[in-house]
Amino acid sequence: MPELQFLTAWWTILRERQQRDIADDRGDIVQYVVITAALALAAVAIVAIIVTKLTTKAKGLQTE
């Protein structure tokens, strides 16, 4: 059964590639977490600045 041998060889190659890719990507998750945390911090800071400016402008409005 050459089809079965082909599938077995193909499966083995794919499994080896996956194991190699997993071994190569082990440190990448830390970079993604740090980048995501930095972007979240920047977003919170931008929202805080906008709220502060709007609050200051709202307090400066005169009402009759």
PDB file of N, CA and C in Angstrom:
ATOM      1  N   MET A   1       0.825  -1.174   0.000  1.00  0.00           N
ATOM      2  CA  MET A   1       0.000   0.000   0.000  1.00  0.00           C
ATOM      3  C   MET A   1       0.880   1.252   0.000  1.00  0.00           C
ATOM      4  N   PRO A   2       1.192   1.755  -1.169  1.00  0.00           N
ATOM      5  CA  PRO A   2       2.049   2.936  -1.236  1.00  0.00           C
ATOM      6  C   PRO A   2       1.372   4.190  -0.672  1.00  0.00           C
ATOM      7  N   GLU A   3       0.042   4.251  -0.733  1.00  0.00           N
ATOM      8  CA  GLU A   3      -0.659   5.417  -0.192  1.00  0.00           C
ATOM      9  C   GLU A   3      -0.460   5.526   1.312  1.00  0.00           C
ATOM     10  N   LEU A   4      -0.521   4.393   1.984  1.00  0.00           N
ATOM     11  CA  LEU A   4      -0.345   4.388   3.430  1.00  0.00           C
ATOM     12  C   LEU A   4       1.080   4.775   3.804  1.00  0.00           C
ATOM     13  N   GLN A   5       2.045   4.312   3.064  1.00  0.00           N
ATOM     14  CA  GLN A   5       3.435   4.682   3.326  1.00  0.00           C
ATOM     15  C   GLN A   5       3.650   6.180   3.089  1.00  0.00           C
ATOM     16  N   PHE A   6       3.029   6.696   2.031  1.00  0.00           N
ATOM     17  CA  PHE A   6       3.143   8.123   1.741  1.00  0.00           C
ATOM     18  C   PHE A   6       2.532   8.945   2.876  1.00  0.00           C
ATOM     19  N   LEU A   7       1.337   8.549   3.308  1.00  0.00           N
ATOM     20  CA  LEU A   7       0.676   9.286   4.391  1.00  0.00           C
ATOM     21  C   LEU A   7       1.473   9.207   5.693  1.00  0.00           C
ATOM     22  N   THR A   8       2.031   8.061   5.987  1.00  0.00           N
ATOM     23  CA  THR A   8       2.836   7.907   7.198  1.00  0.00           C
ATOM     24  C   THR A   8       4.076   8.795   7.141  1.00  0.00           C
ATOM     25  N   ALA A   9       4.751   8.810   5.997  1.00  0.00           N
ATOM     26  CA  ALA A   9       5.938   9.659   5.841  1.00  0.00           C
ATOM     27  C   ALA A   9       5.559  11.135   5.921  1.00  0.00           C
ATOM     28  N   TRP A  10       4.472  11.495   5.278  1.00  0.00           N
ATOM     29  CA  TRP A  10       4.017  12.886   5.305  1.00  0.00           C
ATOM     30  C   TRP A  10       3.663  13.315   6.723  1.00  0.00           C
ATOM     31  N   TRP A  11       2.963  12.459   7.448  1.00  0.00           N
ATOM     32  CA  TRP A  11       2.583  12.755   8.820  1.00  0.00           C
ATOM     33  C   TRP A  11       3.826  12.927   9.697  1.00  0.00           C
ATOM     34  N   THR A  12       4.811  12.084   9.517  1.00  0.00           N
ATOM     35  CA  THR A  12       6.049  12.179  10.289  1.00  0.00           C
ATOM     36  C   THR A  12       6.764  13.494  10.014  1.00  0.00           C
ATOM     37  N   ILE A  13       6.815  13.888   8.751  1.00  0.00           N
ATOM     38  CA  ILE A  13       7.460  15.159   8.401  1.00  0.00           C
ATOM     39  C   ILE A  13       6.728  16.336   9.031  1.00  0.00           C
ATOM     40  N   LEU A  14       5.414  16.327   8.949  1.00  0.00           N
ATOM     41  CA  LEU A  14       4.636  17.416   9.543  1.00  0.00           C
ATOM     42  C   LEU A  14       4.810  17.477  11.052  1.00  0.00           C
ATOM     43  N   ARG A  15       4.843  16.331  11.697  1.00  0.00           N
ATOM     44  CA  ARG A  15       5.013  16.294  13.148  1.00  0.00           C
ATOM     45  C   ARG A  15       6.386  16.830  13.544  1.00  0.00           C
ATOM     46  N   GLU A  16       7.425  16.474  12.791  1.00  0.00           N
ATOM     47  CA  GLU A  16       8.768  16.970  13.077  1.00  0.00           C
ATOM     48  C   GLU A  16       8.852  18.481  12.876  1.00  0.00           C
ATOM     49  N   ARG A  17       8.216  18.984  11.823  1.00  0.00           N
ATOM     50  CA  ARG A  17       8.200  20.435  11.604  1.00  0.00           C
ATOM     51  C   ARG A  17       7.497  21.155  12.739  1.00  0.00           C
ATOM     52  N   GLN A  18       6.391  20.587  13.185  1.00  0.00           N
ATOM     53  CA  GLN A  18       5.649  21.209  14.272  1.00  0.00           C
ATOM     54  C   GLN A  18       6.480  21.237  15.550  1.00  0.00           C
ATOM     55  N   GLN A  19       7.141  20.150  15.860  1.00  0.00           N
ATOM     56  CA  GLN A  19       7.979  20.105  17.054  1.00  0.00           C
ATOM     57  C   GLN A  19       9.122  21.108  16.950  1.00  0.00           C
ATOM     58  N   ARG A  20       9.701  21.239  15.773  1.00  0.00           N
ATOM     59  CA  ARG A  20      10.783  22.198  15.579  1.00  0.00           C
ATOM     60  C   ARG A  20      10.268  23.626  15.719  1.00  0.00           C
ATOM     61  N   ASP A  21       9.096  23.903  15.175  1.00  0.00           N
ATOM     62  CA  ASP A  21       8.525  25.240  15.280  1.00  0.00           C
ATOM     63  C   ASP A  21       8.175  25.584  16.717  1.00  0.00           C
ATOM     64  N   ILE A  22       7.675  24.625  17.466  1.00  0.00           N
ATOM     65  CA  ILE A  22       7.358  24.864  18.873  1.00  0.00           C
ATOM     66  C   ILE A  22       8.625  25.178  19.641  1.00  0.00           C
ATOM     67  N   ALA A  23       9.689  24.472  19.363  1.00  0.00           N
ATOM     68  CA  ALA A  23      10.957  24.713  20.056  1.00  0.00           C
ATOM     69  C   ALA A  23      11.513  26.090  19.711  1.00  0.00           C
ATOM     70  N   ASP A  24      11.278  26.571  18.490  1.00  0.00           N
ATOM     71  CA  ASP A  24      11.795  27.872  18.080  1.00  0.00           C
ATOM     72  C   ASP A  24      10.974  29.032  18.626  1.00  0.00           C
ATOM     73  N   ASP A  25       9.706  28.833  18.929  1.00  0.00           N
ATOM     74  CA  ASP A  25       8.807  29.924  19.315  1.00  0.00           C
ATOM     75  C   ASP A  25       8.601  30.068  20.815  1.00  0.00           C
ATOM     76  N   ARG A  26       9.382  29.448  21.609  1.00  0.00           N
ATOM     77  CA  ARG A  26       9.102  29.458  23.047  1.00  0.00           C
ATOM     78  C   ARG A  26       9.290  30.823  23.685  1.00  0.00           C
ATOM     79  N   GLY A  27      10.153  31.678  23.183  1.00  0.00           N
ATOM     80  CA  GLY A  27      10.372  32.980  23.792  1.00  0.00           C
ATOM     81  C   GLY A  27       9.501  34.077  23.233  1.00  0.00           C
ATOM     82  N   ASP A  28       8.758  33.797  22.172  1.00  0.00           N
ATOM     83  CA  ASP A  28       7.968  34.834  21.529  1.00  0.00           C
ATOM     84  C   ASP A  28       6.780  35.285  22.356  1.00  0.00           C
ATOM     85  N   ILE A  29       6.235  34.453  23.184  1.00  0.00           N
ATOM     86  CA  ILE A  29       5.043  34.823  23.939  1.00  0.00           C
ATOM     87  C   ILE A  29       5.337  35.969  24.895  1.00  0.00           C
ATOM     88  N   VAL A  30       6.536  36.009  25.432  1.00  0.00           N
ATOM     89  CA  VAL A  30       6.906  37.093  26.345  1.00  0.00           C
ATOM     90  C   VAL A  30       6.899  38.421  25.595  1.00  0.00           C
ATOM     91  N   GLN A  31       7.411  38.432  24.386  1.00  0.00           N
ATOM     92  CA  GLN A  31       7.420  39.661  23.599  1.00  0.00           C
ATOM     93  C   GLN A  31       6.003  40.128  23.305  1.00  0.00           C
ATOM     94  N   TYR A  32       5.120  39.213  22.951  1.00  0.00           N
ATOM     95  CA  TYR A  32       3.746  39.599  22.656  1.00  0.00           C
ATOM     96  C   TYR A  32       3.044  40.148  23.901  1.00  0.00           C
ATOM     97  N   VAL A  33       3.303  39.564  25.039  1.00  0.00           N
ATOM     98  CA  VAL A  33       2.675  40.038  26.278  1.00  0.00           C
ATOM     99  C   VAL A  33       3.176  41.431  26.615  1.00  0.00           C
ATOM    100  N   VAL A  34       4.471  41.660  26.490  1.00  0.00           N
ATOM    101  CA  VAL A  34       5.039  42.966  26.808  1.00  0.00           C
ATOM    102  C   VAL A  34       4.506  44.031  25.848  1.00  0.00           C
ATOM    103  N   ILE A  35       4.450  43.714  24.568  1.00  0.00           N
ATOM    104  CA  ILE A  35       3.943  44.671  23.589  1.00  0.00           C
ATOM    105  C   ILE A  35       2.472  44.969  23.844  1.00  0.00           C
ATOM    106  N   THR A  36       1.688  43.947  24.125  1.00  0.00           N
ATOM    107  CA  THR A  36       0.264  44.144  24.406  1.00  0.00           C
ATOM    108  C   THR A  36       0.058  44.978  25.658  1.00  0.00           C
ATOM    109  N   ALA A  37       0.835  44.711  26.694  1.00  0.00           N
ATOM    110  CA  ALA A  37       0.732  45.490  27.930  1.00  0.00           C
ATOM    111  C   ALA A  37       1.113  46.946  27.697  1.00  0.00           C
ATOM    112  N   ALA A  38       2.137  47.184  26.899  1.00  0.00           N
ATOM    113  CA  ALA A  38       2.552  48.559  26.605  1.00  0.00           C
ATOM    114  C   ALA A  38       1.467  49.298  25.824  1.00  0.00           C
ATOM    115  N   LEU A  39       0.867  48.631  24.854  1.00  0.00           N
ATOM    116  CA  LEU A  39      -0.209  49.265  24.084  1.00  0.00           C
ATOM    117  C   LEU A  39      -1.440  49.531  24.950  1.00  0.00           C
ATOM    118  N   ALA A  40      -1.749  48.618  25.853  1.00  0.00           N
ATOM    119  CA  ALA A  40      -2.887  48.831  26.761  1.00  0.00           C
ATOM    120  C   ALA A  40      -2.612  50.009  27.690  1.00  0.00           C
ATOM    121  N   LEU A  41      -1.395  50.111  28.183  1.00  0.00           N
ATOM    122  CA  LEU A  41      -1.021  51.229  29.047  1.00  0.00           C
ATOM    123  C   LEU A  41      -1.111  52.548  28.290  1.00  0.00           C
ATOM    124  N   ALA A  42      -0.649  52.547  27.047  1.00  0.00           N
ATOM    125  CA  ALA A  42      -0.747  53.753  26.230  1.00  0.00           C
ATOM    126  C   ALA A  42      -2.201  54.141  25.985  1.00  0.00           C
ATOM    127  N   ALA A  43      -3.056  53.173  25.739  1.00  0.00           N
ATOM    128  CA  ALA A  43      -4.477  53.456  25.515  1.00  0.00           C
ATOM    129  C   ALA A  43      -5.121  54.052  26.762  1.00  0.00           C
ATOM    130  N   VAL A  44      -4.797  53.516  27.925  1.00  0.00           N
ATOM    131  CA  VAL A  44      -5.348  54.046  29.175  1.00  0.00           C
ATOM    132  C   VAL A  44      -4.848  55.465  29.410  1.00  0.00           C
ATOM    133  N   ALA A  45      -3.585  55.715  29.124  1.00  0.00           N
ATOM    134  CA  ALA A  45      -3.035  57.059  29.302  1.00  0.00           C
ATOM    135  C   ALA A  45      -3.712  58.054  28.361  1.00  0.00           C
ATOM    136  N   ILE A  46      -3.944  57.649  27.122  1.00  0.00           N
ATOM    137  CA  ILE A  46      -4.604  58.541  26.162  1.00  0.00           C
ATOM    138  C   ILE A  46      -6.028  58.852  26.605  1.00  0.00           C
ATOM    139  N   VAL A  47      -6.746  57.851  27.071  1.00  0.00           N
ATOM    140  CA  VAL A  47      -8.115  58.079  27.560  1.00  0.00           C
ATOM    141  C   VAL A  47      -8.096  58.999  28.765  1.00  0.00           C
ATOM    142  N   ALA A  48      -7.141  58.820  29.666  1.00  0.00           N
ATOM    143  CA  ALA A  48      -7.039  59.684  30.846  1.00  0.00           C
ATOM    144  C   ALA A  48      -6.768  61.131  30.439  1.00  0.00           C
ATOM    145  N   ILE A  49      -5.910  61.334  29.461  1.00  0.00           N
ATOM    146  CA  ILE A  49      -5.616  62.692  28.997  1.00  0.00           C
ATOM    147  C   ILE A  49      -6.859  63.329  28.375  1.00  0.00           C
ATOM    148  N   ILE A  50      -7.573  62.582  27.570  1.00  0.00           N
ATOM    149  CA  ILE A  50      -8.787  63.111  26.937  1.00  0.00           C
ATOM    150  C   ILE A  50      -9.837  63.451  27.982  1.00  0.00           C
ATOM    151  N   VAL A  51     -10.034  62.591  28.962  1.00  0.00           N
ATOM    152  CA  VAL A  51     -11.024  62.849  30.015  1.00  0.00           C
ATOM    153  C   VAL A  51     -10.632  64.081  30.817  1.00  0.00           C
ATOM    154  N   THR A  52      -9.358  64.221  31.124  1.00  0.00           N
ATOM    155  CA  THR A  52      -8.897  65.387  31.879  1.00  0.00           C
ATOM    156  C   THR A  52      -9.136  66.675  31.090  1.00  0.00           C
ATOM    157  N   LYS A  53      -8.829  66.666  29.799  1.00  0.00           N
ATOM    158  CA  LYS A  53      -9.053  67.856  28.979  1.00  0.00           C
ATOM    159  C   LYS A  53     -10.534  68.189  28.875  1.00  0.00           C
ATOM    160  N   LEU A  54     -11.366  67.172  28.686  1.00  0.00           N
ATOM    161  CA  LEU A  54     -12.809  67.413  28.600  1.00  0.00           C
ATOM    162  C   LEU A  54     -13.370  67.931  29.915  1.00  0.00           C
ATOM    163  N   THR A  55     -12.902  67.389  31.026  1.00  0.00           N
ATOM    164  CA  THR A  55     -13.370  67.837  32.340  1.00  0.00           C
ATOM    165  C   THR A  55     -12.962  69.283  32.588  1.00  0.00           C
ATOM    166  N   THR A  56     -11.738  69.617  32.252  1.00  0.00           N
ATOM    167  CA  THR A  56     -11.263  70.990  32.430  1.00  0.00           C
ATOM    168  C   THR A  56     -12.075  71.953  31.565  1.00  0.00           C
ATOM    169  N   LYS A  57     -12.327  71.559  30.338  1.00  0.00           N
ATOM    170  CA  LYS A  57     -13.100  72.413  29.440  1.00  0.00           C
ATOM    171  C   LYS A  57     -14.545  72.533  29.924  1.00  0.00           C
ATOM    172  N   ALA A  58     -15.105  71.459  30.451  1.00  0.00           N
ATOM    173  CA  ALA A  58     -16.484  71.499  30.951  1.00  0.00           C
ATOM    174  C   ALA A  58     -16.604  72.380  32.181  1.00  0.00           C
ATOM    175  N   LYS A  59     -15.599  72.368  33.033  1.00  0.00           N
ATOM    176  CA  LYS A  59     -15.640  73.213  34.232  1.00  0.00           C
ATOM    177  C   LYS A  59     -15.482  74.674  33.857  1.00  0.00           C
ATOM    178  N   GLY A  60     -14.871  74.963  32.730  1.00  0.00           N
ATOM    179  CA  GLY A  60     -14.669  76.344  32.301  1.00  0.00           C
ATOM    180  C   GLY A  60     -15.868  76.946  31.607  1.00  0.00           C
ATOM    181  N   LEU A  61     -16.874  76.150  31.276  1.00  0.00           N
ATOM    182  CA  LEU A  61     -18.056  76.689  30.607  1.00  0.00           C
ATOM    183  C   LEU A  61     -18.884  77.505  31.583  1.00  0.00           C
ATOM    184  N   GLN A  62     -19.388  78.598  31.088  1.00  0.00           N
ATOM    185  CA  GLN A  62     -20.233  79.452  31.945  1.00  0.00           C
ATOM    186  C   GLN A  62     -21.697  79.072  31.695  1.00  0.00           C
ATOM    187  N   THR A  63     -22.406  78.977  32.765  1.00  0.00           N
ATOM    188  CA  THR A  63     -23.845  78.702  32.661  1.00  0.00           C
ATOM    189  C   THR A  63     -24.590  79.874  33.250  1.00  0.00           C
ATOM    190  N   GLU A  64     -25.655  80.234  32.631  1.00  0.00           N
ATOM    191  CA  GLU A  64     -26.411  81.399  33.118  1.00  0.00           C
ATOM    192  C   GLU A  64     -27.627  80.972  33.874  1.00  0.00           C
TER     193      GLU A  64
END
